[in-house]
Structure formats: C-alpha cells, structure tokens
C-alpha atoms as a PDB file:
ATOM      1  CA  UNK A   1       7.678  15.805 -11.561  1.00  0.00           C
ATOM      2  CA  UNK A   2       8.892  17.785  -8.862  1.00  0.00           C
ATOM      3  CA  UNK A   3      12.642  17.628  -8.408  1.00  0.00           C
ATOM      4  CA  UNK A   4      12.502  16.389  -4.760  1.00  0.00           C
ATOM      5  CA  UNK A   5      10.160  13.520  -5.803  1.00  0.00           C
ATOM      6  CA  UNK A   6      12.077  12.608  -9.023  1.00  0.00           C
ATOM      7  CA  UNK A   7      14.992  11.650  -6.713  1.00  0.00           C
ATOM      8  CA  UNK A   8      13.139   9.760  -4.560  1.00  0.00           C
ATOM      9  CA  UNK A   9      11.684   7.631  -7.416  1.00  0.00           C
ATOM     10  CA  UNK A  10      14.905   7.374  -8.969  1.00  0.00           C
ATOM     11  CA  UNK A  11      15.899   5.549  -5.478  1.00  0.00           C
ATOM     12  CA  UNK A  12      18.486   8.589  -4.690  1.00  0.00           C
ATOM     13  CA  UNK A  13      17.055   9.089  -1.448  1.00  0.00           C
ATOM     14  CA  UNK A  14      13.859   9.541   0.695  1.00  0.00           C
ATOM     15  CA  UNK A  15      11.753  12.624  -0.092  1.00  0.00           C
ATOM     16  CA  UNK A  16      12.879  14.513   2.807  1.00  0.00           C
ATOM     17  CA  UNK A  17      16.443  13.470   2.357  1.00  0.00           C
ATOM     18  CA  UNK A  18      16.311  14.650  -1.210  1.00  0.00           C
ATOM     19  CA  UNK A  19      15.140  17.955  -0.208  1.00  0.00           C
ATOM     20  CA  UNK A  20      18.202  18.321   2.287  1.00  0.00           C
ATOM     21  CA  UNK A  21      20.498  17.362  -0.721  1.00  0.00           C
ATOM     22  CA  UNK A  22      18.783  19.955  -3.205  1.00  0.00           C
ATOM     23  CA  UNK A  23      19.350  23.005  -0.585  1.00  0.00           C
ATOM     24  CA  UNK A  24      22.744  21.961  -0.175  1.00  0.00           C
ATOM     25  CA  UNK A  25      23.555  22.497  -3.765  1.00  0.00           C
ATOM     26  CA  UNK A  26      24.606  19.095  -4.830  1.00  0.00           C
ATOM     27  CA  UNK A  27      21.766  18.660  -7.261  1.00  0.00           C
ATOM     28  CA  UNK A  28      22.097  20.154 -10.928  1.00  0.00           C
ATOM     29  CA  UNK A  29      19.810  20.377 -13.693  1.00  0.00           C
ATOM     30  CA  UNK A  30      20.837  20.760 -17.101  1.00  0.00           C
ATOM     31  CA  UNK A  31      24.476  21.344 -15.746  1.00  0.00           C
ATOM     32  CA  UNK A  32      23.085  24.290 -13.489  1.00  0.00           C
ATOM     33  CA  UNK A  33      22.492  24.056  -9.636  1.00  0.00           C
ATOM     34  CA  UNK A  34      18.952  24.089  -8.345  1.00  0.00           C
ATOM     35  CA  UNK A  35      17.785  24.568  -4.827  1.00  0.00           C
ATOM     36  CA  UNK A  36      14.369  24.429  -5.337  1.00  0.00           C
ATOM     37  CA  UNK A  37      12.823  20.901  -4.343  1.00  0.00           C
ATOM     38  CA  UNK A  38       9.945  22.033  -6.275  1.00  0.00           C
ATOM     39  CA  UNK A  39      11.551  22.662  -9.676  1.00  0.00           C
ATOM     40  CA  UNK A  40       9.541  20.423 -12.714  1.00  0.00           C
ATOM     41  CA  UNK A  41      11.824  18.133 -14.134  1.00  0.00           C
ATOM     42  CA  UNK A  42      11.644  14.660 -16.301  1.00  0.00           C
ATOM     43  CA  UNK A  43      13.648  12.477 -17.342  1.00  0.00           C
ATOM     44  CA  UNK A  44      15.108  14.660 -20.337  1.00  0.00           C
ATOM     45  CA  UNK A  45      15.885  17.465 -17.728  1.00  0.00           C
ATOM     46  CA  UNK A  46      19.755  16.326 -16.802  1.00  0.00           C
ATOM     47  CA  UNK A  47      19.312  15.755 -13.364  1.00  0.00           C
ATOM     48  CA  UNK A  48      22.413  14.716 -11.407  1.00  0.00           C
ATOM     49  CA  UNK A  49      24.009  14.509  -8.064  1.00  0.00           C
ATOM     50  CA  UNK A  50      27.434  15.412  -7.279  1.00  0.00           C
ATOM     51  CA  UNK A  51      27.956  15.248 -10.941  1.00  0.00           C
ATOM     52  CA  UNK A  52      26.453  11.746 -11.134  1.00  0.00           C
ATOM     53  CA  UNK A  53      23.546  11.588 -13.472  1.00  0.00           C
ATOM     54  CA  UNK A  54      20.129  10.532 -12.027  1.00  0.00           C
ATOM     55  CA  UNK A  55      18.518   7.714 -13.965  1.00  0.00           C
ATOM     56  CA  UNK A  56      14.998   6.560 -12.861  1.00  0.00           C
ATOM     57  CA  UNK A  57      14.833   3.233 -11.222  1.00  0.00           C
ATOM     58  CA  UNK A  58      12.741   0.409 -13.358  1.00  0.00           C
ATOM     59  CA  UNK A  59       9.091   0.360 -11.928  1.00  0.00           C
ATOM     60  CA  UNK A  60       8.585  -3.028  -9.735  1.00  0.00           C
ATOM     61  CA  UNK A  61       5.641  -4.327  -7.878  1.00  0.00           C
ATOM     62  CA  UNK A  62       5.735  -7.121  -5.821  1.00  0.00           C
ATOM     63  CA  UNK A  63       2.791  -9.061  -3.753  1.00  0.00           C
ATOM     64  CA  UNK A  64       3.825 -10.599  -0.383  1.00  0.00           C
ATOM     65  CA  UNK A  65       1.920 -12.929   2.043  1.00  0.00           C
ATOM     66  CA  UNK A  66       2.673 -11.245   5.138  1.00  0.00           C
ATOM     67  CA  UNK A  67       3.213 -13.045   8.241  1.00  0.00           C
ATOM     68  CA  UNK A  68       2.045 -12.128  11.551  1.00  0.00           C
ATOM     69  CA  UNK A  69       3.950  -9.394  13.487  1.00  0.00           C
ATOM     70  CA  UNK A  70       5.937  -8.069  10.456  1.00  0.00           C
ATOM     71  CA  UNK A  71       5.285  -4.378  10.244  1.00  0.00           C
ATOM     72  CA  UNK A  72       3.808  -2.457   7.197  1.00  0.00           C
ATOM     73  CA  UNK A  73       6.681  -0.035   7.036  1.00  0.00           C
ATOM     74  CA  UNK A  74       9.805   0.602   4.338  1.00  0.00           C
ATOM     75  CA  UNK A  75      12.068   0.503   7.684  1.00  0.00           C
ATOM     76  CA  UNK A  76      11.326  -0.520  11.375  1.00  0.00           C
ATOM     77  CA  UNK A  77      13.134   1.505  13.938  1.00  0.00           C
ATOM     78  CA  UNK A  78      12.253  -1.351  16.739  1.00  0.00           C
ATOM     79  CA  UNK A  79      13.278  -4.771  16.611  1.00  0.00           C
ATOM     80  CA  UNK A  80      10.243  -6.265  14.439  1.00  0.00           C
ATOM     81  CA  UNK A  81      10.790  -7.546  10.606  1.00  0.00           C
ATOM     82  CA  UNK A  82       9.488  -4.869   8.277  1.00  0.00           C
ATOM     83  CA  UNK A  83       7.854  -6.017   4.857  1.00  0.00           C
ATOM     84  CA  UNK A  84      10.594  -4.721   2.797  1.00  0.00           C
ATOM     85  CA  UNK A  85      13.012  -7.348   4.502  1.00  0.00           C
ATOM     86  CA  UNK A  86      11.064 -10.088   3.216  1.00  0.00           C
ATOM     87  CA  UNK A  87      11.186  -8.890  -0.814  1.00  0.00           C
ATOM     88  CA  UNK A  88      14.183 -10.134  -2.801  1.00  0.00           C
ATOM     89  CA  UNK A  89      14.691  -6.897  -4.796  1.00  0.00           C
ATOM     90  CA  UNK A  90      17.657  -4.210  -4.735  1.00  0.00           C
ATOM     91  CA  UNK A  91      15.045  -1.368  -5.691  1.00  0.00           C
ATOM     92  CA  UNK A  92      13.788   1.231  -2.991  1.00  0.00           C
ATOM     93  CA  UNK A  93      10.490  -0.445  -2.411  1.00  0.00           C
ATOM     94  CA  UNK A  94       7.767   0.962  -0.077  1.00  0.00           C
ATOM     95  CA  UNK A  95       4.348  -0.747   1.015  1.00  0.00           C
ATOM     96  CA  UNK A  96       1.046   0.095  -0.924  1.00  0.00           C
ATOM     97  CA  UNK A  97      -1.055   1.467   2.240  1.00  0.00           C
ATOM     98  CA  UNK A  98      -0.764  -0.361   5.428  1.00  0.00           C
ATOM     99  CA  UNK A  99      -1.509  -3.934   6.632  1.00  0.00           C
ATOM    100  CA  UNK A 100      -1.454  -4.279  10.611  1.00  0.00           C
ATOM    101  CA  UNK A 101       1.165  -6.106  12.744  1.00  0.00           C
ATOM    102  CA  UNK A 102      -1.635  -8.486  13.814  1.00  0.00           C
ATOM    103  CA  UNK A 103      -3.074  -9.135  10.510  1.00  0.00           C
ATOM    104  CA  UNK A 104      -1.550 -11.047   7.955  1.00  0.00           C
ATOM    105  CA  UNK A 105      -2.030 -11.628   4.011  1.00  0.00           C
ATOM    106  CA  UNK A 106      -1.572  -9.713   0.649  1.00  0.00           C
ATOM    107  CA  UNK A 107       0.207  -6.601   0.847  1.00  0.00           C
ATOM    108  CA  UNK A 108       1.695  -4.918  -2.217  1.00  0.00           C
ATOM    109  CA  UNK A 109       5.358  -2.884  -2.537  1.00  0.00           C
ATOM    110  CA  UNK A 110       6.385  -1.215  -5.126  1.00  0.00           C
ATOM    111  CA  UNK A 111       8.699   2.014  -6.068  1.00  0.00           C
ATOM    112  CA  UNK A 112       6.115   3.730  -8.491  1.00  0.00           C
ATOM    113  CA  UNK A 113       4.402   6.297  -6.595  1.00  0.00           C
ATOM    114  CA  UNK A 114       2.000   7.309  -9.051  1.00  0.00           C
ATOM    115  CA  UNK A 115       0.402   3.972  -8.856  1.00  0.00           C
ATOM    116  CA  UNK A 116       0.793   3.543  -5.141  1.00  0.00           C
ATOM    117  CA  UNK A 117      -0.972   6.958  -4.906  1.00  0.00           C
ATOM    118  CA  UNK A 118      -3.948   5.866  -7.380  1.00  0.00           C
ATOM    119  CA  UNK A 119      -4.411   2.753  -5.476  1.00  0.00           C
ATOM    120  CA  UNK A 120      -4.912   4.244  -2.065  1.00  0.00           C
ATOM    121  CA  UNK A 121      -6.664   7.399  -3.116  1.00  0.00           C
ATOM    122  CA  UNK A 122     -10.572   7.463  -1.756  1.00  0.00           C
ATOM    123  CA  UNK A 123     -11.391   8.795  -5.311  1.00  0.00           C
ATOM    124  CA  UNK A 124     -10.613   5.274  -6.877  1.00  0.00           C
ATOM    125  CA  UNK A 125     -12.272   3.121  -4.465  1.00  0.00           C
ATOM    126  CA  UNK A 126     -10.008   0.133  -5.065  1.00  0.00           C
ATOM    127  CA  UNK A 127     -11.592  -3.149  -3.336  1.00  0.00           C
ATOM    128  CA  UNK A 128      -9.730  -4.641  -0.659  1.00  0.00           C
ATOM    129  CA  UNK A 129     -10.988  -8.307   0.487  1.00  0.00           C
ATOM    130  CA  UNK A 130     -10.366  -9.809   3.865  1.00  0.00           C
ATOM    131  CA  UNK A 131     -11.220 -13.053   5.847  1.00  0.00           C
ATOM    132  CA  UNK A 132     -11.863 -12.363   9.396  1.00  0.00           C
ATOM    133  CA  UNK A 133     -12.512 -14.829  12.055  1.00  0.00           C
ATOM    134  CA  UNK A 134     -14.963 -13.420  14.871  1.00  0.00           C
ATOM    135  CA  UNK A 135     -14.880 -14.167  18.316  1.00  0.00           C
ATOM    136  CA  UNK A 136     -18.349 -15.115  18.172  1.00  0.00           C
ATOM    137  CA  UNK A 137     -20.607 -16.332  15.190  1.00  0.00           C
ATOM    138  CA  UNK A 138     -21.924 -13.294  13.649  1.00  0.00           C
ATOM    139  CA  UNK A 139     -25.832 -13.095  13.773  1.00  0.00           C
ATOM    140  CA  UNK A 140     -27.728 -12.001  10.513  1.00  0.00           C
ATOM    141  CA  UNK A 141     -28.372  -8.882  12.124  1.00  0.00           C
ATOM    142  CA  UNK A 142     -24.660  -7.848  12.239  1.00  0.00           C
ATOM    143  CA  UNK A 143     -23.949  -9.083   9.215  1.00  0.00           C
ATOM    144  CA  UNK A 144     -26.688  -6.817   7.927  1.00  0.00           C
ATOM    145  CA  UNK A 145     -25.401  -3.731   9.521  1.00  0.00           C
ATOM    146  CA  UNK A 146     -21.807  -4.289   8.385  1.00  0.00           C
ATOM    147  CA  UNK A 147     -23.106  -4.565   4.883  1.00  0.00           C
ATOM    148  CA  UNK A 148     -24.997  -1.391   4.998  1.00  0.00           C
ATOM    149  CA  UNK A 149     -22.100   0.677   6.753  1.00  0.00           C
ATOM    150  CA  UNK A 150     -21.699   1.310  10.624  1.00  0.00           C
ATOM    151  CA  UNK A 151     -20.979   4.381  12.259  1.00  0.00           C
ATOM    152  CA  UNK A 152     -17.262   4.832  13.866  1.00  0.00           C
ATOM    153  CA  UNK A 153     -15.944   7.656  15.866  1.00  0.00           C
ATOM    154  CA  UNK A 154     -14.100   9.187  12.372  1.00  0.00           C
ATOM    155  CA  UNK A 155     -17.600   8.834  10.606  1.00  0.00           C
ATOM    156  CA  UNK A 156     -19.953   6.395   9.237  1.00  0.00           C
ATOM    157  CA  UNK A 157     -18.100   3.529   6.713  1.00  0.00           C
ATOM    158  CA  UNK A 158     -19.269   2.938   3.343  1.00  0.00           C
ATOM    159  CA  UNK A 159     -21.413  -0.145   2.343  1.00  0.00           C
ATOM    160  CA  UNK A 160     -19.307  -3.274   2.215  1.00  0.00           C
ATOM    161  CA  UNK A 161     -19.724  -6.633   0.690  1.00  0.00           C
ATOM    162  CA  UNK A 162     -20.008  -9.214   3.574  1.00  0.00           C
ATOM    163  CA  UNK A 163     -20.732 -13.094   3.451  1.00  0.00           C
ATOM    164  CA  UNK A 164     -20.172 -15.771   5.751  1.00  0.00           C
ATOM    165  CA  UNK A 165     -16.932 -17.870   5.861  1.00  0.00           C
ATOM    166  CA  UNK A 166     -17.273 -21.057   8.053  1.00  0.00           C
ATOM    167  CA  UNK A 167     -18.932 -20.821  11.281  1.00  0.00           C
ATOM    168  CA  UNK A 168     -17.169 -17.572  12.760  1.00  0.00           C
ATOM    169  CA  UNK A 169     -15.547 -15.944   9.846  1.00  0.00           C
ATOM    170  CA  UNK A 170     -16.919 -13.570   7.505  1.00  0.00           C
ATOM    171  CA  UNK A 171     -15.244 -12.102   3.976  1.00  0.00           C
ATOM    172  CA  UNK A 172     -15.678  -8.414   3.896  1.00  0.00           C
ATOM    173  CA  UNK A 173     -14.709  -6.365   0.780  1.00  0.00           C
ATOM    174  CA  UNK A 174     -14.480  -2.786   1.328  1.00  0.00           C
ATOM    175  CA  UNK A 175     -13.777   0.166  -0.759  1.00  0.00           C
ATOM    176  CA  UNK A 176     -11.860   2.506   1.703  1.00  0.00           C
ATOM    177  CA  UNK A 177      -8.791   1.715   3.945  1.00  0.00           C
ATOM    178  CA  UNK A 178      -9.252   3.318   6.936  1.00  0.00           C
ATOM    179  CA  UNK A 179      -7.103   2.526  10.310  1.00  0.00           C
ATOM    180  CA  UNK A 180      -7.929  -0.522  11.888  1.00  0.00           C
ATOM    181  CA  UNK A 181     -11.279  -0.404   9.879  1.00  0.00           C
ATOM    182  CA  UNK A 182     -12.489  -4.162  10.367  1.00  0.00           C
ATOM    183  CA  UNK A 183     -11.868  -4.484  13.728  1.00  0.00           C
ATOM    184  CA  UNK A 184     -13.519  -1.246  14.504  1.00  0.00           C
ATOM    185  CA  UNK A 185     -16.546  -2.167  12.448  1.00  0.00           C
ATOM    186  CA  UNK A 186     -16.840  -5.562  14.217  1.00  0.00           C
ATOM    187  CA  UNK A 187     -16.658  -3.820  17.734  1.00  0.00           C
ATOM    188  CA  UNK A 188     -19.289  -1.321  16.524  1.00  0.00           C
ATOM    189  CA  UNK A 189     -21.672  -4.230  15.953  1.00  0.00           C
ATOM    190  CA  UNK A 190     -20.724  -6.125  18.991  1.00  0.00           C
ATOM    191  CA  UNK A 191     -18.250  -8.706  17.953  1.00  0.00           C
ATOM    192  CA  UNK A 192     -14.446  -8.937  17.669  1.00  0.00           C
ATOM    193  CA  UNK A 193     -11.981  -9.900  15.139  1.00  0.00           C
ATOM    194  CA  UNK A 194      -9.400 -12.736  16.386  1.00  0.00           C
ATOM    195  CA  UNK A 195      -7.588 -12.873  13.050  1.00  0.00           C
ATOM    196  CA  UNK A 196      -7.524 -10.999   9.898  1.00  0.00           C
ATOM    197  CA  UNK A 197      -6.142 -11.811   6.551  1.00  0.00           C
ATOM    198  CA  UNK A 198      -6.299  -9.834   3.320  1.00  0.00           C
ATOM    199  CA  UNK A 199      -7.156 -12.103   0.372  1.00  0.00           C
ATOM    200  CA  UNK A 200      -7.169  -9.503  -2.565  1.00  0.00           C
ATOM    201  CA  UNK A 201      -6.110  -6.198  -3.319  1.00  0.00           C
ATOM    202  CA  UNK A 202      -8.108  -4.739  -6.648  1.00  0.00           C
ATOM    203  CA  UNK A 203      -7.838  -7.535  -9.133  1.00  0.00           C
ATOM    204  CA  UNK A 204      -4.608  -9.297  -7.567  1.00  0.00           C
ATOM    205  CA  UNK A 205      -5.395 -12.216  -5.400  1.00  0.00           C
ATOM    206  CA  UNK A 206      -3.151 -14.054  -2.657  1.00  0.00           C
ATOM    207  CA  UNK A 207      -4.052 -17.385  -3.796  1.00  0.00           C
ATOM    208  CA  UNK A 208      -1.484 -19.992  -2.745  1.00  0.00           C
ATOM    209  CA  UNK A 209       1.232 -17.321  -2.243  1.00  0.00           C
ATOM    210  CA  UNK A 210       3.335 -19.311   0.870  1.00  0.00           C
ATOM    211  CA  UNK A 211       3.398 -17.171   4.130  1.00  0.00           C
ATOM    212  CA  UNK A 212       6.627 -14.773   3.966  1.00  0.00           C
ATOM    213  CA  UNK A 213       7.192 -15.091   0.458  1.00  0.00           C
ATOM    214  CA  UNK A 214       6.973 -12.387  -2.550  1.00  0.00           C
ATOM    215  CA  UNK A 215       6.423 -12.721  -6.177  1.00  0.00           C
ATOM    216  CA  UNK A 216       6.920  -9.874  -8.803  1.00  0.00           C
ATOM    217  CA  UNK A 217       3.962  -9.135 -10.693  1.00  0.00           C
ATOM    218  CA  UNK A 218       4.228  -9.542 -14.592  1.00  0.00           C
ATOM    219  CA  UNK A 219       3.221  -6.994 -17.289  1.00  0.00           C
ATOM    220  CA  UNK A 220      -0.528  -8.589 -17.410  1.00  0.00           C
ATOM    221  CA  UNK A 221      -1.278  -7.835 -13.629  1.00  0.00           C
ATOM    222  CA  UNK A 222       0.455  -4.555 -13.929  1.00  0.00           C
ATOM    223  CA  UNK A 223      -2.110  -3.409 -16.506  1.00  0.00           C
ATOM    224  CA  UNK A 224      -5.054  -4.882 -14.377  1.00  0.00           C
ATOM    225  CA  UNK A 225      -3.760  -2.757 -11.151  1.00  0.00           C
ATOM    226  CA  UNK A 226      -3.582   0.199 -13.321  1.00  0.00           C
ATOM    227  CA  UNK A 227      -7.014  -0.216 -14.784  1.00  0.00           C
ATOM    228  CA  UNK A 228      -8.276  -0.779 -11.104  1.00  0.00           C
ATOM    229  CA  UNK A 229      -6.720   2.426 -10.177  1.00  0.00           C
ATOM    230  CA  UNK A 230      -8.329   4.403 -12.812  1.00  0.00           C
ATOM    231  CA  UNK A 231      -5.889   4.588 -15.397  1.00  0.00           C
ATOM    232  CA  UNK A 232      -8.715   5.716 -18.034  1.00  0.00           C
ATOM    233  CA  UNK A 233     -10.718   8.213 -16.255  1.00  0.00           C
END
C-alpha cells in the first residue's frame, strides 16, 4: 500500500494531509525519513510519524438510517449535519458512496478503503435497492422503460429491477450509482420523485433500524459484503 494511503487508513490524517506530512519530513519508514508518498509499505514496515509508531486502525463498517437533510460527507463545511456525526465510533469513518441530502435510508460508513472502493466500483455492480414515491402513479409503459434502461445526458442506464409499491410508489434496484440517477430516470419517463429511500446495499438491508440510528455490522454481515464486492474474483 502507498505510504499516504497507509497513513490515511491508519487514521493519522486525510490522504491529502498525509501527503503534506510526508513532504515535511516527519514520516519515517524503518527509521529512515521518507518523502515519497507513493512508497510501498505494510504493517511490517515500521512506519512512524514524529517518532510515534503508526498502527492501523481496526476496520469497522456501520449501517446508518440517514434522515432527511443530513449530508453524505465525512465533514460538512456548512451548517447541515453530516452522516459521520450520527455514528458512535472513534474511528475516522467515511461514507460508502453517496445518498443525497433529500434522500433517506441506508448508508454504509467504514474506514476500510479497499472494501469501500470495491462496493462502489462499476466492475462489481453491487446492487442498491430503493423505494421511490412518484408524483403520479406510474404507468405500465413508464415501468417498462425504467426496467429496460433510459437515455440520460451522461449515457443510457443499465436495465433495472422495478416493481410497484403502493399506488404511487416503486421499488427499483440498480447496479450503478450515478448522481441523482433515480430522480433523473423518473424525469426521463415523464414522472417525478417526491421522496426516495434506500432500503438495501448489496446483501445488507435497512430493516427496522430507526431513523437517525446506526449499528456496527458483525462478522457474518461483513463476510457477506465482501462476497457482494467480488472477493473471490
């Protein structure tokens, strides 16, 4: 692993701040000063910052039921609350992908960069399932178009799993995660999303987790997530 990434994963600082620390000459590897952030290191390399050994943080993954108007960032520069404020962990967590401020439901947070990258990488096509309430009851033609895939300004969407949920609702399952994708898909077929809630990410379901609360995933759920992310590929 590159040195800057190693420091970030160990909770020393952000990736960018870690690069600054390395350039300043306060980081040593095996007792020698290293100023190259791309230097390959691992847990046996003897990495230290200002003489203090760097030990990797234990990896954690949390599920949060995100409320409305909470932002999916590790730190919110404005006045709005960030998802990391709602997770009772001392680790330096960051969200896996994004969930818009005007959307609610399941979001994962972790300090495991490799897992987060695989869960969001298009190669693995990890499913995300949502419940959307539309402004108008969806027609069969609209549902058929959503299932087949629609043309957006950044290209056609992949086929999606879509089924009715109540009079104006649909459950939609995607294997991609573009910006505001479901809202744009609804607009492309002549409808609008009034509310949107994510209910599943890979094999992890929101279930009855109360809004605004978080829960750390156990070993079995972590193993399932790694399988979702193509660990055996």
